């Protein structure tokens, strides 16, 4: 299969976009947990952060799964993709950091073939997602935007970026599917 990086705006309703942003950033009722190592499989680099895991394999880990899963399923329905397996779904919150720029070395989330769907939660997010070739040369950079979906081949190396001034919320789905 050919490698791809695609950006989509306006996939889910603006009402759901705003409900998700409010729940995560403004309600005070959404639990996130400190994780001493928010890195990818096999990483030797430690990257502490805040996370909320919705699902891993066949296990649901969150009462909030039903609020966030429509992002993946609506995207796939609108793009004629049949989901065959969802490996993981989780939310990452990157807090403002004195260190601006990439927060991890270039990486892939999984060591096996998969697709990645990133959903940007907040309207004031800063911090691009950066893509690299196999020699770790930058090939593309996508800026966050509330409601934006970034869909790409999971074998493409990538990393996120920190901001000194704003938090960034991302929902990450690692899955496989078939075009209908």
Protein backbone atom coordinates (compact mmCIF):
# COMPACT_ATOMS: atom_id res chain seq x y z
CA UNK A 1 0.00 0.00 0.00
CA UNK A 2 1.16 3.51 -0.79
CA UNK A 3 2.10 5.72 2.16
CA UNK A 4 -0.19 8.70 2.72
CA UNK A 5 -0.75 11.75 4.93
CA UNK A 6 -4.19 13.38 4.58
CA UNK A 7 -5.83 16.27 6.40
CA UNK A 8 -9.61 16.66 6.80
CA UNK A 9 -11.64 19.47 8.30
CA UNK A 10 -15.37 19.50 9.11
CA UNK A 11 -15.83 15.73 9.40
CA UNK A 12 -17.80 15.74 12.64
CA UNK A 13 -20.43 18.29 13.58
CA UNK A 14 -19.35 21.61 15.07
CA UNK A 15 -21.66 20.80 17.99
CA UNK A 16 -19.69 17.62 18.79
CA UNK A 17 -16.38 19.48 18.28
CA UNK A 18 -17.44 22.08 20.86
CA UNK A 19 -18.80 19.48 23.31
CA UNK A 20 -15.51 17.57 23.20
CA UNK A 21 -13.42 20.73 23.67
CA UNK A 22 -15.62 21.85 26.58
CA UNK A 23 -15.52 18.44 28.27
CA UNK A 24 -11.73 18.13 28.06
CA UNK A 25 -10.63 21.73 28.68
CA UNK A 26 -13.41 23.54 30.54
CA UNK A 27 -15.74 21.21 32.45
CA UNK A 28 -13.39 20.17 35.24
CA UNK A 29 -15.00 16.72 35.00
CA UNK A 30 -12.72 14.94 32.53
CA UNK A 31 -10.07 12.74 34.14
CA UNK A 32 -6.55 12.70 32.76
CA UNK A 33 -3.75 10.75 34.33
CA UNK A 34 -0.07 11.37 34.70
CA UNK A 35 1.93 8.91 32.66
CA UNK A 36 5.66 8.83 33.28
CA UNK A 37 6.27 7.68 29.70
CA UNK A 38 3.84 8.87 27.00
CA UNK A 39 6.06 7.54 24.25
CA UNK A 40 5.58 4.95 21.57
CA UNK A 41 6.19 1.19 21.67
CA UNK A 42 9.84 0.32 22.12
CA UNK A 43 10.93 3.87 22.95
CA UNK A 44 14.06 4.41 24.95
CA UNK A 45 13.08 8.05 25.53
CA UNK A 46 10.96 9.09 28.50
CA UNK A 47 8.29 11.69 27.82
CA UNK A 48 5.98 12.31 30.79
CA UNK A 49 2.53 13.64 30.08
CA UNK A 50 -1.20 13.48 30.67
CA UNK A 51 -3.25 10.74 29.06
CA UNK A 52 -6.71 9.22 29.07
CA UNK A 53 -6.95 5.74 27.52
CA UNK A 54 -10.34 4.96 25.99
CA UNK A 55 -9.51 1.53 24.66
CA UNK A 56 -6.62 -0.94 24.28
CA UNK A 57 -7.25 -4.00 22.21
CA UNK A 58 -10.59 -5.51 23.17
CA UNK A 59 -10.69 -3.73 26.54
CA UNK A 60 -12.57 -0.51 27.03
CA UNK A 61 -10.85 1.57 29.67
CA UNK A 62 -13.11 4.58 29.89
CA UNK A 63 -16.69 5.56 30.54
CA UNK A 64 -16.12 8.35 27.98
CA UNK A 65 -15.44 6.03 25.02
CA UNK A 66 -18.94 6.58 23.57
CA UNK A 67 -18.33 10.35 23.37
CA UNK A 68 -15.03 10.09 21.48
CA UNK A 69 -15.45 6.98 19.32
CA UNK A 70 -17.83 8.76 16.87
CA UNK A 71 -14.81 10.70 15.62
CA UNK A 72 -13.25 7.53 14.20
CA UNK A 73 -16.49 5.90 13.06
CA UNK A 74 -17.88 9.05 11.40
CA UNK A 75 -14.58 9.61 9.59
CA UNK A 76 -14.48 6.03 8.34
CA UNK A 77 -18.12 6.09 7.25
CA UNK A 78 -17.63 9.32 5.28
CA UNK A 79 -14.48 7.91 3.64
CA UNK A 80 -15.82 4.42 2.87
CA UNK A 81 -13.45 2.65 5.25
CA UNK A 82 -14.46 -0.55 7.01
CA UNK A 83 -12.68 -0.81 10.36
CA UNK A 84 -11.27 -4.30 10.95
CA UNK A 85 -9.41 -3.68 14.20
CA UNK A 86 -8.92 -0.77 16.59
CA UNK A 87 -5.71 -1.35 18.51
CA UNK A 88 -5.82 1.68 20.74
CA UNK A 89 -7.64 4.95 21.32
CA UNK A 90 -6.39 7.57 23.75
CA UNK A 91 -6.23 11.26 24.48
CA UNK A 92 -3.01 13.18 25.04
CA UNK A 93 -2.77 16.60 26.63
CA UNK A 94 0.43 18.49 25.95
CA UNK A 95 0.81 21.27 28.50
CA UNK A 96 2.78 24.45 27.83
CA UNK A 97 6.48 23.76 28.08
CA UNK A 98 9.56 25.99 28.34
CA UNK A 99 11.02 23.76 25.62
CA UNK A 100 9.35 24.71 22.33
CA UNK A 101 9.55 22.31 19.39
CA UNK A 102 9.42 18.52 18.92
CA UNK A 103 8.48 16.61 22.06
CA UNK A 104 9.82 13.23 20.90
CA UNK A 105 12.24 11.93 18.35
CA UNK A 106 10.63 10.77 15.08
CA UNK A 107 8.73 7.56 15.75
CA UNK A 108 5.89 5.25 14.75
CA UNK A 109 3.18 4.41 17.30
CA UNK A 110 3.22 0.66 16.60
CA UNK A 111 5.79 -1.73 15.21
CA UNK A 112 3.28 -3.43 12.89
CA UNK A 113 1.20 -2.10 9.95
CA UNK A 114 -1.59 0.23 11.03
CA UNK A 115 -3.30 3.53 10.27
CA UNK A 116 -3.36 6.55 12.55
CA UNK A 117 -6.16 9.06 12.96
CA UNK A 118 -5.30 12.14 15.03
CA UNK A 119 -8.05 14.51 16.06
CA UNK A 120 -7.16 18.01 17.29
CA UNK A 121 -9.46 19.06 20.14
CA UNK A 122 -8.90 22.72 20.91
CA UNK A 123 -9.21 25.93 18.95
CA UNK A 124 -6.18 27.65 20.47
CA UNK A 125 -3.76 24.74 20.07
CA UNK A 126 -0.21 25.40 18.96
CA UNK A 127 2.28 22.69 18.05
CA UNK A 128 2.60 21.07 14.64
CA UNK A 129 2.68 17.37 13.90
CA UNK A 130 5.86 16.79 11.92
CA UNK A 131 6.46 13.92 9.47
CA UNK A 132 9.80 12.43 8.44
CA UNK A 133 11.23 10.14 5.80
CA UNK A 134 13.22 7.04 6.76
CA UNK A 135 16.38 9.17 7.06
CA UNK A 136 14.57 11.45 9.54
CA UNK A 137 14.42 14.40 7.15
CA UNK A 138 11.28 16.49 7.61
CA UNK A 139 8.80 15.90 4.77
CA UNK A 140 5.61 17.59 5.98
CA UNK A 141 4.22 19.64 8.85
CA UNK A 142 0.53 19.89 9.84
CA UNK A 143 -0.75 22.61 12.17
CA UNK A 144 -3.48 21.83 14.69
CA UNK A 145 -6.94 23.26 14.24
CA UNK A 146 -10.05 22.50 16.28
CA UNK A 147 -11.88 19.60 14.67
CA UNK A 148 -9.09 18.77 12.22
CA UNK A 149 -8.43 15.13 11.47
CA UNK A 150 -5.04 13.94 10.36
CA UNK A 151 -5.13 10.46 8.79
CA UNK A 152 -1.90 8.73 7.83
CA UNK A 153 -0.07 5.47 7.27
CA UNK A 154 1.26 4.42 10.68
CA UNK A 155 4.63 3.43 9.19
CA UNK A 156 5.48 7.10 8.56
CA UNK A 157 7.72 8.52 11.27
CA UNK A 158 6.25 11.53 13.04
CA UNK A 159 6.32 13.57 16.23
CA UNK A 160 4.36 16.32 17.92
CA UNK A 161 5.59 19.74 19.02
CA UNK A 162 5.34 21.58 22.32
CA UNK A 163 4.19 25.16 22.72
CA UNK A 164 5.40 27.64 25.33
CA UNK A 165 2.00 29.28 25.63
CA UNK A 166 -0.89 26.91 24.89
CA UNK A 167 -2.01 23.39 25.72
CA UNK A 168 -2.75 20.98 22.90
CA UNK A 169 -5.28 18.15 23.08
CA UNK A 170 -5.12 15.27 20.63
CA UNK A 171 -7.13 12.09 20.34
CA UNK A 172 -5.14 9.25 18.80
CA UNK A 173 -6.65 6.15 17.16
CA UNK A 174 -4.40 3.33 15.93
CA UNK A 175 -6.38 0.93 13.73
CA UNK A 176 -6.62 -1.02 10.52
CA UNK A 177 -9.33 -1.03 7.94
CA UNK A 178 -10.20 -1.64 4.31
CA UNK A 179 -11.47 0.72 1.66
CA UNK A 180 -15.02 -0.33 0.69
